[in-house]
Amino acid sequence: MMARFHVQCGYLLAAAVLLAATVPSGGCTSVLATAMYVIKGHDIDAEFDGLRNKRVAVVCRPLVELQYRNSGVANDLARQIGILLQRNVRDIEVIDHRKVAEWVDENTWDEYVEIGKALDADMVLGVDLERFSIYEGQTLYQGKANVSIKVGNCRTGVTAFEKTLTEAVYPPTRAIPTSEKQEPQFRREFVRVLADQIGRHFYPHDAYADFARDTAPLE
Protein backbone atom coordinates (compact mmCIF):
# COMPACT_ATOMS: atom_id res chain seq x y z
CA MET A 1 0.00 0.00 0.00
CA MET A 2 2.83 2.39 0.83
CA ALA A 3 4.24 1.98 -2.68
CA ARG A 4 1.32 3.97 -4.07
CA PHE A 5 2.48 7.19 -2.46
CA HIS A 6 5.44 9.50 -2.87
CA VAL A 7 7.95 9.97 -0.10
CA GLN A 8 7.18 13.70 0.10
CA CYS A 9 3.77 12.97 1.59
CA GLY A 10 5.74 12.65 4.83
CA TYR A 11 4.81 11.47 8.26
CA LEU A 12 1.14 12.42 8.02
CA LEU A 13 0.52 10.03 5.16
CA ALA A 14 2.56 7.31 6.83
CA ALA A 15 0.42 7.64 9.94
CA ALA A 16 -2.71 7.47 7.83
CA VAL A 17 -1.51 4.25 6.18
CA LEU A 18 -0.81 2.68 9.54
CA LEU A 19 -4.25 3.71 10.72
CA ALA A 20 -5.83 2.31 7.57
CA ALA A 21 -4.27 -1.06 8.28
CA THR A 22 -6.34 -1.33 11.44
CA VAL A 23 -9.72 -0.78 9.75
CA PRO A 24 -11.66 -2.73 7.09
CA SER A 25 -10.76 -2.24 3.42
CA GLY A 26 -13.62 0.21 2.83
CA GLY A 27 -12.46 2.29 5.74
CA CYS A 28 -8.92 2.20 4.37
CA THR A 29 -9.99 3.99 1.21
CA SER A 30 -11.79 6.66 3.21
CA VAL A 31 -8.86 7.26 5.54
CA LEU A 32 -6.37 7.55 2.68
CA ALA A 33 -8.63 9.93 0.76
CA THR A 34 -8.92 12.13 3.82
CA ALA A 35 -5.15 12.05 4.33
CA MET A 36 -4.50 13.10 0.75
CA TYR A 37 -7.03 15.95 1.09
CA VAL A 38 -5.32 17.24 4.22
CA ILE A 39 -1.85 16.95 2.68
CA LYS A 40 -2.88 18.68 -0.55
CA GLY A 41 -4.73 21.38 1.30
CA HIS A 42 -7.41 23.57 -0.22
CA ASP A 43 -6.80 26.94 -1.81
CA ILE A 44 -9.07 29.84 -0.99
CA ASP A 45 -9.47 32.35 -3.82
CA ALA A 46 -8.12 35.87 -3.49
CA GLU A 47 -10.62 38.23 -1.94
CA PHE A 48 -9.41 40.93 -4.33
CA ASP A 49 -7.52 39.96 -7.48
CA GLY A 50 -7.18 43.40 -9.00
CA LEU A 51 -3.40 43.59 -8.48
CA ARG A 52 -2.61 41.21 -11.31
CA ASN A 53 -0.74 42.79 -14.23
CA LYS A 54 -0.39 46.01 -12.25
CA ARG A 55 2.44 48.21 -11.01
CA VAL A 56 1.82 48.43 -7.26
CA ALA A 57 3.14 50.55 -4.40
CA VAL A 58 2.86 49.19 -0.86
CA VAL A 59 2.73 51.70 1.98
CA CYS A 60 2.30 51.15 5.71
CA ARG A 61 1.78 53.95 8.22
CA PRO A 62 1.35 53.70 11.97
CA LEU A 63 -1.72 55.55 13.20
CA VAL A 64 -0.37 55.63 16.75
CA GLU A 65 3.13 56.31 17.97
CA LEU A 66 5.04 53.04 18.26
CA GLN A 67 7.58 52.37 20.96
CA TYR A 68 11.15 53.10 19.91
CA ARG A 69 11.96 49.40 19.66
CA ASN A 70 9.14 49.00 17.13
CA SER A 71 9.78 52.19 15.18
CA GLY A 72 10.85 50.37 12.02
CA VAL A 73 7.94 47.94 11.95
CA ALA A 74 5.86 49.87 9.41
CA ASN A 75 8.65 49.80 6.81
CA ASP A 76 9.46 46.17 7.57
CA LEU A 77 5.82 45.21 7.18
CA ALA A 78 5.46 47.03 3.85
CA ARG A 79 8.62 45.37 2.55
CA GLN A 80 7.47 41.90 3.58
CA ILE A 81 4.02 42.39 2.05
CA GLY A 82 5.69 43.46 -1.19
CA ILE A 83 7.80 40.31 -1.21
CA LEU A 84 4.71 38.12 -0.79
CA LEU A 85 2.79 39.94 -3.52
CA GLN A 86 5.70 39.69 -5.94
CA ARG A 87 5.97 35.99 -5.20
CA ASN A 88 2.28 35.09 -5.39
CA VAL A 89 0.46 37.52 -7.70
CA ARG A 90 0.79 36.86 -11.41
CA ASP A 91 2.56 39.49 -13.50
CA ILE A 92 2.62 42.07 -10.73
CA GLU A 93 5.35 44.70 -10.46
CA VAL A 94 5.90 45.81 -6.88
CA ILE A 95 7.75 49.10 -6.61
CA ASP A 96 10.95 48.86 -4.58
CA HIS A 97 10.04 49.57 -0.96
CA ARG A 98 13.08 51.80 -0.61
CA LYS A 99 11.77 54.15 -3.30
CA VAL A 100 8.38 54.24 -1.59
CA ALA A 101 9.92 54.91 1.84
CA GLU A 102 12.15 57.64 0.43
CA TRP A 103 9.22 59.45 -1.20
CA VAL A 104 7.11 59.17 1.96
CA ASP A 105 9.93 60.59 4.09
CA GLU A 106 10.56 63.52 1.77
CA ASN A 107 7.01 64.58 0.98
CA THR A 108 3.81 65.62 2.72
CA TRP A 109 0.78 63.49 1.85
CA ASP A 110 -2.69 62.63 3.11
CA GLU A 111 -4.03 59.88 0.86
CA TYR A 112 -2.28 56.74 -0.29
CA VAL A 113 -3.14 57.39 -3.94
CA GLU A 114 -0.96 60.50 -3.80
CA ILE A 115 2.04 58.26 -3.24
CA GLY A 116 1.00 55.88 -5.97
CA LYS A 117 0.53 58.67 -8.51
CA ALA A 118 3.90 60.19 -7.66
CA LEU A 119 5.61 56.82 -8.24
CA ASP A 120 3.66 56.07 -11.42
CA ALA A 121 1.86 53.12 -9.85
CA ASP A 122 -1.37 51.67 -11.17
CA MET A 123 -2.54 50.66 -7.71
CA VAL A 124 -1.46 51.43 -4.15
CA LEU A 125 -1.94 49.11 -1.20
CA GLY A 126 -2.17 51.15 1.98
CA VAL A 127 -1.91 49.55 5.41
CA ASP A 128 -2.97 51.49 8.49
CA LEU A 129 -1.16 50.02 11.48
CA GLU A 130 -3.51 50.85 14.33
CA ARG A 131 -1.73 48.81 17.00
CA PHE A 132 1.44 46.73 17.26
CA SER A 133 2.92 45.10 20.36
CA ILE A 134 5.02 42.03 21.03
CA TYR A 135 4.90 41.71 24.82
CA GLU A 136 2.38 40.05 27.10
CA GLY A 137 3.67 41.32 30.40
CA GLN A 138 7.37 41.85 31.04
CA THR A 139 8.65 38.32 30.54
CA LEU A 140 6.40 36.89 27.83
CA TYR A 141 6.10 37.40 24.09
CA GLN A 142 2.77 37.44 22.30
CA GLY A 143 2.39 39.65 19.28
CA LYS A 144 -0.83 41.61 18.80
CA ALA A 145 -1.74 43.99 16.00
CA ASN A 146 -4.74 45.71 14.47
CA VAL A 147 -4.63 46.83 10.86
CA SER A 148 -6.92 48.04 8.12
CA ILE A 149 -6.08 47.84 4.43
CA LYS A 150 -7.11 49.91 1.44
CA VAL A 151 -6.35 49.48 -2.24
CA GLY A 152 -6.60 52.64 -4.32
CA ASN A 153 -6.66 52.95 -8.10
CA CYS A 154 -4.04 55.59 -8.85
CA ARG A 155 -5.47 56.29 -12.30
CA THR A 156 -9.03 57.00 -11.18
CA GLY A 157 -8.57 57.80 -7.48
CA VAL A 158 -11.27 55.26 -6.62
CA THR A 159 -10.95 52.91 -3.63
CA ALA A 160 -11.05 49.43 -5.16
CA PHE A 161 -10.90 47.37 -1.97
CA GLU A 162 -11.07 48.16 1.74
CA LYS A 163 -11.15 46.00 4.85
CA THR A 164 -10.47 46.10 8.58
CA LEU A 165 -8.84 42.86 9.66
CA THR A 166 -9.57 40.99 12.84
CA GLU A 167 -6.92 41.32 15.53
CA ALA A 168 -3.75 39.41 14.68
CA VAL A 169 -2.35 37.40 17.60
CA TYR A 170 0.88 35.39 17.45
CA PRO A 171 1.22 32.78 18.81
CA PRO A 172 -2.58 32.59 18.92
CA THR A 173 -3.00 30.21 21.86
CA ARG A 174 -0.08 30.91 24.17
CA ALA A 175 2.61 33.37 25.11
CA ILE A 176 6.26 32.30 25.14
CA PRO A 177 8.98 33.23 27.66
CA THR A 178 11.35 35.97 26.57
CA SER A 179 14.20 33.70 27.62
CA GLU A 180 13.52 31.43 24.63
CA LYS A 181 14.51 33.89 21.90
CA GLN A 182 15.78 37.38 21.26
CA GLU A 183 13.35 40.26 20.86
CA PRO A 184 14.38 41.15 17.27
CA GLN A 185 13.87 37.55 16.19
CA PHE A 186 10.38 37.38 17.63
CA ARG A 187 9.47 40.76 16.11
CA ARG A 188 10.58 39.58 12.67
CA GLU A 189 8.49 36.43 13.04
CA PHE A 190 5.41 38.42 13.96
CA VAL A 191 5.92 40.86 11.09
CA ARG A 192 6.08 37.92 8.67
CA VAL A 193 2.89 36.45 10.14
CA LEU A 194 1.10 39.80 9.90
CA ALA A 195 2.31 40.34 6.34
CA ASP A 196 1.00 36.91 5.38
CA GLN A 197 -2.42 37.65 6.87
CA ILE A 198 -2.57 40.85 4.83
CA GLY A 199 -1.08 39.51 1.62
CA ARG A 200 -3.37 36.50 1.35
CA HIS A 201 -6.29 38.80 0.56
CA PHE A 202 -4.74 39.28 -2.87
CA TYR A 203 -3.80 35.74 -3.97
CA PRO A 204 -5.08 32.17 -3.48
CA HIS A 205 -3.82 30.61 -0.27
CA ASP A 206 -3.99 27.39 1.69
CA ALA A 207 -7.02 27.18 3.94
CA TYR A 208 -4.96 25.20 6.46
CA ALA A 209 -2.07 27.67 6.69
CA ASP A 210 -3.21 29.12 10.01
CA PHE A 211 -3.81 25.66 11.45
CA ALA A 212 -0.32 24.57 10.45
CA ARG A 213 1.18 27.69 12.01
CA ASP A 214 -0.82 27.22 15.23
CA THR A 215 0.43 23.66 15.68
CA ALA A 216 4.01 24.19 14.57
CA PRO A 217 6.65 24.62 17.29
CA LEU A 218 8.24 28.05 17.53
CA GLU A 219 11.85 27.90 16.39
C-alpha atoms as a PDB file:
ATOM      1  CA  MET A   1       0.000   0.000   0.000  1.00  0.00           C
ATOM      2  CA  MET A   2       2.829   2.388   0.832  1.00  0.00           C
ATOM      3  CA  ALA A   3       4.237   1.984  -2.679  1.00  0.00           C
ATOM      4  CA  ARG A   4       1.323   3.969  -4.074  1.00  0.00           C
ATOM      5  CA  PHE A   5       2.476   7.189  -2.462  1.00  0.00           C
ATOM      6  CA  HIS A   6       5.442   9.504  -2.867  1.00  0.00           C
ATOM      7  CA  VAL A   7       7.948   9.967  -0.096  1.00  0.00           C
ATOM      8  CA  GLN A   8       7.177  13.698   0.101  1.00  0.00           C
ATOM      9  CA  CYS A   9       3.773  12.973   1.591  1.00  0.00           C
ATOM     10  CA  GLY A  10       5.739  12.652   4.834  1.00  0.00           C
ATOM     11  CA  TYR A  11       4.808  11.474   8.262  1.00  0.00           C
ATOM     12  CA  LEU A  12       1.140  12.420   8.020  1.00  0.00           C
ATOM     13  CA  LEU A  13       0.518  10.034   5.162  1.00  0.00           C
ATOM     14  CA  ALA A  14       2.562   7.308   6.834  1.00  0.00           C
ATOM     15  CA  ALA A  15       0.424   7.638   9.936  1.00  0.00           C
ATOM     16  CA  ALA A  16      -2.713   7.465   7.828  1.00  0.00           C
ATOM     17  CA  VAL A  17      -1.511   4.254   6.177  1.00  0.00           C
ATOM     18  CA  LEU A  18      -0.813   2.679   9.537  1.00  0.00           C
ATOM     19  CA  LEU A  19      -4.255   3.713  10.716  1.00  0.00           C
ATOM     20  CA  ALA A  20      -5.830   2.305   7.574  1.00  0.00           C
ATOM     21  CA  ALA A  21      -4.268  -1.058   8.279  1.00  0.00           C
ATOM     22  CA  THR A  22      -6.344  -1.334  11.437  1.00  0.00           C
ATOM     23  CA  VAL A  23      -9.723  -0.785   9.748  1.00  0.00           C
ATOM     24  CA  PRO A  24     -11.655  -2.729   7.090  1.00  0.00           C
ATOM     25  CA  SER A  25     -10.759  -2.236   3.422  1.00  0.00           C
ATOM     26  CA  GLY A  26     -13.625   0.211   2.826  1.00  0.00           C
ATOM     27  CA  GLY A  27     -12.457   2.289   5.741  1.00  0.00           C
ATOM     28  CA  CYS A  28      -8.921   2.196   4.373  1.00  0.00           C
ATOM     29  CA  THR A  29      -9.994   3.992   1.212  1.00  0.00           C
ATOM     30  CA  SER A  30     -11.791   6.657   3.212  1.00  0.00           C
ATOM     31  CA  VAL A  31      -8.858   7.259   5.537  1.00  0.00           C
ATOM     32  CA  LEU A  32      -6.368   7.551   2.684  1.00  0.00           C
ATOM     33  CA  ALA A  33      -8.631   9.931   0.758  1.00  0.00           C
ATOM     34  CA  THR A  34      -8.916  12.129   3.823  1.00  0.00           C
ATOM     35  CA  ALA A  35      -5.152  12.054   4.330  1.00  0.00           C
ATOM     36  CA  MET A  36      -4.504  13.096   0.751  1.00  0.00           C
ATOM     37  CA  TYR A  37      -7.027  15.955   1.091  1.00  0.00           C
ATOM     38  CA  VAL A  38      -5.321  17.241   4.222  1.00  0.00           C
ATOM     39  CA  ILE A  39      -1.849  16.951   2.677  1.00  0.00           C
ATOM     40  CA  LYS A  40      -2.881  18.676  -0.547  1.00  0.00           C
ATOM     41  CA  GLY A  41      -4.728  21.379   1.296  1.00  0.00           C
ATOM     42  CA  HIS A  42      -7.406  23.567  -0.216  1.00  0.00           C
ATOM     43  CA  ASP A  43      -6.800  26.939  -1.806  1.00  0.00           C
ATOM     44  CA  ILE A  44      -9.069  29.843  -0.988  1.00  0.00           C
ATOM     45  CA  ASP A  45      -9.471  32.347  -3.820  1.00  0.00           C
ATOM     46  CA  ALA A  46      -8.123  35.874  -3.488  1.00  0.00           C
ATOM     47  CA  GLU A  47     -10.622  38.230  -1.937  1.00  0.00           C
ATOM     48  CA  PHE A  48      -9.408  40.929  -4.329  1.00  0.00           C
ATOM     49  CA  ASP A  49      -7.518  39.956  -7.479  1.00  0.00           C
ATOM     50  CA  GLY A  50      -7.185  43.404  -9.002  1.00  0.00           C
ATOM     51  CA  LEU A  51      -3.404  43.593  -8.476  1.00  0.00           C
ATOM     52  CA  ARG A  52      -2.606  41.211 -11.312  1.00  0.00           C
ATOM     53  CA  ASN A  53      -0.742  42.791 -14.227  1.00  0.00           C
ATOM     54  CA  LYS A  54      -0.387  46.011 -12.246  1.00  0.00           C
ATOM     55  CA  ARG A  55       2.443  48.210 -11.007  1.00  0.00           C
ATOM     56  CA  VAL A  56       1.824  48.433  -7.263  1.00  0.00           C
ATOM     57  CA  ALA A  57       3.140  50.554  -4.405  1.00  0.00           C
ATOM     58  CA  VAL A  58       2.860  49.187  -0.864  1.00  0.00           C
ATOM     59  CA  VAL A  59       2.735  51.703   1.983  1.00  0.00           C
ATOM     60  CA  CYS A  60       2.296  51.152   5.708  1.00  0.00           C
ATOM     61  CA  ARG A  61       1.781  53.954   8.216  1.00  0.00           C
ATOM     62  CA  PRO A  62       1.347  53.703  11.972  1.00  0.00           C
ATOM     63  CA  LEU A  63      -1.725  55.547  13.201  1.00  0.00           C
ATOM     64  CA  VAL A  64      -0.373  55.632  16.748  1.00  0.00           C
ATOM     65  CA  GLU A  65       3.134  56.314  17.973  1.00  0.00           C
ATOM     66  CA  LEU A  66       5.039  53.042  18.260  1.00  0.00           C
ATOM     67  CA  GLN A  67       7.585  52.368  20.956  1.00  0.00           C
ATOM     68  CA  TYR A  68      11.154  53.102  19.906  1.00  0.00           C
ATOM     69  CA  ARG A  69      11.965  49.399  19.656  1.00  0.00           C
ATOM     70  CA  ASN A  70       9.139  49.003  17.128  1.00  0.00           C
ATOM     71  CA  SER A  71       9.776  52.193  15.181  1.00  0.00           C
ATOM     72  CA  GLY A  72      10.853  50.370  12.024  1.00  0.00           C
ATOM     73  CA  VAL A  73       7.945  47.940  11.953  1.00  0.00           C
ATOM     74  CA  ALA A  74       5.858  49.866   9.405  1.00  0.00           C
ATOM     75  CA  ASN A  75       8.646  49.802   6.813  1.00  0.00           C
ATOM     76  CA  ASP A  76       9.458  46.167   7.568  1.00  0.00           C
ATOM     77  CA  LEU A  77       5.815  45.212   7.177  1.00  0.00           C
ATOM     78  CA  ALA A  78       5.462  47.034   3.852  1.00  0.00           C
ATOM     79  CA  ARG A  79       8.622  45.365   2.548  1.00  0.00           C
ATOM     80  CA  GLN A  80       7.465  41.902   3.585  1.00  0.00           C
ATOM     81  CA  ILE A  81       4.015  42.387   2.049  1.00  0.00           C
ATOM     82  CA  GLY A  82       5.687  43.457  -1.190  1.00  0.00           C
ATOM     83  CA  ILE A  83       7.796  40.307  -1.207  1.00  0.00           C
ATOM     84  CA  LEU A  84       4.709  38.122  -0.791  1.00  0.00           C
ATOM     85  CA  LEU A  85       2.790  39.940  -3.519  1.00  0.00           C
ATOM     86  CA  GLN A  86       5.698  39.685  -5.943  1.00  0.00           C
ATOM     87  CA  ARG A  87       5.974  35.988  -5.196  1.00  0.00           C
ATOM     88  CA  ASN A  88       2.282  35.092  -5.395  1.00  0.00           C
ATOM     89  CA  VAL A  89       0.459  37.520  -7.702  1.00  0.00           C
ATOM     90  CA  ARG A  90       0.790  36.858 -11.410  1.00  0.00           C
ATOM     91  CA  ASP A  91       2.557  39.493 -13.504  1.00  0.00           C
ATOM     92  CA  ILE A  92       2.616  42.073 -10.729  1.00  0.00           C
ATOM     93  CA  GLU A  93       5.348  44.697 -10.465  1.00  0.00           C
ATOM     94  CA  VAL A  94       5.904  45.806  -6.883  1.00  0.00           C
ATOM     95  CA  ILE A  95       7.748  49.100  -6.609  1.00  0.00           C
ATOM     96  CA  ASP A  96      10.954  48.856  -4.581  1.00  0.00           C
ATOM     97  CA  HIS A  97      10.039  49.569  -0.962  1.00  0.00           C
ATOM     98  CA  ARG A  98      13.078  51.805  -0.607  1.00  0.00           C
ATOM     99  CA  LYS A  99      11.770  54.149  -3.301  1.00  0.00           C
ATOM    100  CA  VAL A 100       8.381  54.239  -1.590  1.00  0.00           C
ATOM    101  CA  ALA A 101       9.918  54.909   1.836  1.00  0.00           C
ATOM    102  CA  GLU A 102      12.147  57.637   0.428  1.00  0.00           C
ATOM    103  CA  TRP A 103       9.221  59.448  -1.205  1.00  0.00           C
ATOM    104  CA  VAL A 104       7.113  59.166   1.963  1.00  0.00           C
ATOM    105  CA  ASP A 105       9.925  60.589   4.092  1.00  0.00           C
ATOM    106  CA  GLU A 106      10.562  63.522   1.772  1.00  0.00           C
ATOM    107  CA  ASN A 107       7.009  64.581   0.981  1.00  0.00           C
ATOM    108  CA  THR A 108       3.807  65.615   2.717  1.00  0.00           C
ATOM    109  CA  TRP A 109       0.780  63.494   1.847  1.00  0.00           C
ATOM    110  CA  ASP A 110      -2.687  62.634   3.113  1.00  0.00           C
ATOM    111  CA  GLU A 111      -4.027  59.881   0.862  1.00  0.00           C
ATOM    112  CA  TYR A 112      -2.281  56.737  -0.292  1.00  0.00           C
ATOM    113  CA  VAL A 113      -3.139  57.391  -3.938  1.00  0.00           C
ATOM    114  CA  GLU A 114      -0.965  60.501  -3.802  1.00  0.00           C
ATOM    115  CA  ILE A 115       2.043  58.264  -3.235  1.00  0.00           C
ATOM    116  CA  GLY A 116       1.005  55.879  -5.972  1.00  0.00           C
ATOM    117  CA  LYS A 117       0.533  58.672  -8.508  1.00  0.00           C
ATOM    118  CA  ALA A 118       3.904  60.185  -7.655  1.00  0.00           C
ATOM    119  CA  LEU A 119       5.608  56.822  -8.244  1.00  0.00           C
ATOM    120  CA  ASP A 120       3.659  56.071 -11.419  1.00  0.00           C
ATOM    121  CA  ALA A 121       1.857  53.123  -9.853  1.00  0.00           C
ATOM    122  CA  ASP A 122      -1.375  51.667 -11.172  1.00  0.00           C
ATOM    123  CA  MET A 123      -2.541  50.658  -7.706  1.00  0.00           C
ATOM    124  CA  VAL A 124      -1.464  51.428  -4.152  1.00  0.00           C
ATOM    125  CA  LEU A 125      -1.939  49.109  -1.199  1.00  0.00           C
ATOM    126  CA  GLY A 126      -2.166  51.151   1.978  1.00  0.00           C
ATOM    127  CA  VAL A 127      -1.906  49.554   5.406  1.00  0.00           C
ATOM    128  CA  ASP A 128      -2.969  51.486   8.487  1.00  0.00           C
ATOM    129  CA  LEU A 129      -1.160  50.017  11.481  1.00  0.00           C
ATOM    130  CA  GLU A 130      -3.510  50.847  14.326  1.00  0.00           C
ATOM    131  CA  ARG A 131      -1.732  48.812  16.997  1.00  0.00           C
ATOM    132  CA  PHE A 132       1.437  46.727  17.255  1.00  0.00           C
ATOM    133  CA  SER A 133       2.920  45.103  20.358  1.00  0.00           C
ATOM    134  CA  ILE A 134       5.016  42.026  21.031  1.00  0.00           C
ATOM    135  CA  TYR A 135       4.899  41.711  24.824  1.00  0.00           C
ATOM    136  CA  GLU A 136       2.377  40.047  27.096  1.00  0.00           C
ATOM    137  CA  GLY A 137       3.670  41.321  30.397  1.00  0.00           C
ATOM    138  CA  GLN A 138       7.372  41.853  31.041  1.00  0.00           C
ATOM    139  CA  THR A 139       8.646  38.319  30.544  1.00  0.00           C
ATOM    140  CA  LEU A 140       6.397  36.888  27.828  1.00  0.00           C
ATOM    141  CA  TYR A 141       6.095  37.398  24.088  1.00  0.00           C
ATOM    142  CA  GLN A 142       2.774  37.439  22.299  1.00  0.00           C
ATOM    143  CA  GLY A 143       2.388  39.655  19.280  1.00  0.00           C
ATOM    144  CA  LYS A 144      -0.833  41.610  18.802  1.00  0.00           C
ATOM    145  CA  ALA A 145      -1.743  43.986  16.002  1.00  0.00           C
ATOM    146  CA  ASN A 146      -4.736  45.705  14.466  1.00  0.00           C
ATOM    147  CA  VAL A 147      -4.628  46.830  10.858  1.00  0.00           C
ATOM    148  CA  SER A 148      -6.920  48.039   8.118  1.00  0.00           C
ATOM    149  CA  ILE A 149      -6.078  47.838   4.435  1.00  0.00           C
ATOM    150  CA  LYS A 150      -7.113  49.906   1.436  1.00  0.00           C
ATOM    151  CA  VAL A 151      -6.355  49.483  -2.243  1.00  0.00           C
ATOM    152  CA  GLY A 152      -6.598  52.639  -4.318  1.00  0.00           C
ATOM    153  CA  ASN A 153      -6.658  52.950  -8.098  1.00  0.00           C
ATOM    154  CA  CYS A 154      -4.038  55.591  -8.848  1.00  0.00           C
ATOM    155  CA  ARG A 155      -5.470  56.294 -12.304  1.00  0.00           C
ATOM    156  CA  THR A 156      -9.031  57.002 -11.181  1.00  0.00           C
ATOM    157  CA  GLY A 157      -8.565  57.804  -7.484  1.00  0.00           C
ATOM    158  CA  VAL A 158     -11.269  55.255  -6.620  1.00  0.00           C
ATOM    159  CA  THR A 159     -10.951  52.907  -3.626  1.00  0.00           C
ATOM    160  CA  ALA A 160     -11.046  49.432  -5.163  1.00  0.00           C
ATOM    161  CA  PHE A 161     -10.897  47.375  -1.969  1.00  0.00           C
ATOM    162  CA  GLU A 162     -11.067  48.159   1.741  1.00  0.00           C
ATOM    163  CA  LYS A 163     -11.146  46.002   4.845  1.00  0.00           C
ATOM    164  CA  THR A 164     -10.466  46.097   8.577  1.00  0.00           C
ATOM    165  CA  LEU A 165      -8.835  42.860   9.657  1.00  0.00           C
ATOM    166  CA  THR A 166      -9.571  40.992  12.840  1.00  0.00           C
ATOM    167  CA  GLU A 167      -6.917  41.316  15.527  1.00  0.00           C
ATOM    168  CA  ALA A 168      -3.750  39.411  14.683  1.00  0.00           C
ATOM    169  CA  VAL A 169      -2.353  37.399  17.602  1.00  0.00           C
ATOM    170  CA  TYR A 170       0.880  35.387  17.454  1.00  0.00           C
ATOM    171  CA  PRO A 171       1.221  32.784  18.805  1.00  0.00           C
ATOM    172  CA  PRO A 172      -2.583  32.594  18.925  1.00  0.00           C
ATOM    173  CA  THR A 173      -3.001  30.213  21.858  1.00  0.00           C
ATOM    174  CA  ARG A 174      -0.079  30.914  24.169  1.00  0.00           C
ATOM    175  CA  ALA A 175       2.611  33.372  25.109  1.00  0.00           C
ATOM    176  CA  ILE A 176       6.257  32.303  25.142  1.00  0.00           C
ATOM    177  CA  PRO A 177       8.977  33.232  27.655  1.00  0.00           C
ATOM    178  CA  THR A 178      11.349  35.973  26.571  1.00  0.00           C
ATOM    179  CA  SER A 179      14.205  33.702  27.618  1.00  0.00           C
ATOM    180  CA  GLU A 180      13.517  31.428  24.627  1.00  0.00           C
ATOM    181  CA  LYS A 181      14.513  33.895  21.902  1.00  0.00           C
ATOM    182  CA  GLN A 182      15.785  37.384  21.263  1.00  0.00           C
ATOM    183  CA  GLU A 183      13.346  40.264  20.861  1.00  0.00           C
ATOM    184  CA  PRO A 184      14.384  41.151  17.269  1.00  0.00           C
ATOM    185  CA  GLN A 185      13.873  37.553  16.186  1.00  0.00           C
ATOM    186  CA  PHE A 186      10.377  37.379  17.632  1.00  0.00           C
ATOM    187  CA  ARG A 187       9.474  40.760  16.110  1.00  0.00           C
ATOM    188  CA  ARG A 188      10.584  39.578  12.670  1.00  0.00           C
ATOM    189  CA  GLU A 189       8.490  36.433  13.041  1.00  0.00           C
ATOM    190  CA  PHE A 190       5.411  38.419  13.963  1.00  0.00           C
ATOM    191  CA  VAL A 191       5.921  40.862  11.089  1.00  0.00           C
ATOM    192  CA  ARG A 192       6.075  37.917   8.669  1.00  0.00           C
ATOM    193  CA  VAL A 193       2.888  36.453  10.137  1.00  0.00           C
ATOM    194  CA  LEU A 194       1.104  39.801   9.900  1.00  0.00           C
ATOM    195  CA  ALA A 195       2.313  40.343   6.337  1.00  0.00           C
ATOM    196  CA  ASP A 196       1.003  36.910   5.376  1.00  0.00           C
ATOM    197  CA  GLN A 197      -2.416  37.653   6.867  1.00  0.00           C
ATOM    198  CA  ILE A 198      -2.569  40.852   4.833  1.00  0.00           C
ATOM    199  CA  GLY A 199      -1.077  39.509   1.622  1.00  0.00           C
ATOM    200  CA  ARG A 200      -3.365  36.497   1.353  1.00  0.00           C
ATOM    201  CA  HIS A 201      -6.285  38.803   0.565  1.00  0.00           C
ATOM    202  CA  PHE A 202      -4.736  39.276  -2.871  1.00  0.00           C
ATOM    203  CA  TYR A 203      -3.801  35.741  -3.969  1.00  0.00           C
ATOM    204  CA  PRO A 204      -5.076  32.170  -3.478  1.00  0.00           C
ATOM    205  CA  HIS A 205      -3.820  30.613  -0.271  1.00  0.00           C
ATOM    206  CA  ASP A 206      -3.993  27.392   1.685  1.00  0.00           C
ATOM    207  CA  ALA A 207      -7.021  27.181   3.941  1.00  0.00           C
ATOM    208  CA  TYR A 208      -4.963  25.196   6.455  1.00  0.00           C
ATOM    209  CA  ALA A 209      -2.070  27.667   6.688  1.00  0.00           C
ATOM    210  CA  ASP A 210      -3.211  29.118  10.006  1.00  0.00           C
ATOM    211  CA  PHE A 211      -3.807  25.665  11.455  1.00  0.00           C
ATOM    212  CA  ALA A 212      -0.319  24.569  10.450  1.00  0.00           C
ATOM    213  CA  ARG A 213       1.180  27.688  12.012  1.00  0.00           C
ATOM    214  CA  ASP A 214      -0.816  27.224  15.225  1.00  0.00           C
ATOM    215  CA  THR A 215       0.428  23.665  15.684  1.00  0.00           C
ATOM    216  CA  ALA A 216       4.015  24.188  14.570  1.00  0.00           C
ATOM    217  CA  PRO A 217       6.647  24.625  17.287  1.00  0.00           C
ATOM    218  CA  LEU A 218       8.239  28.054  17.528  1.00  0.00           C
ATOM    219  CA  GLU A 219      11.853  27.896  16.390  1.00  0.00           C
END
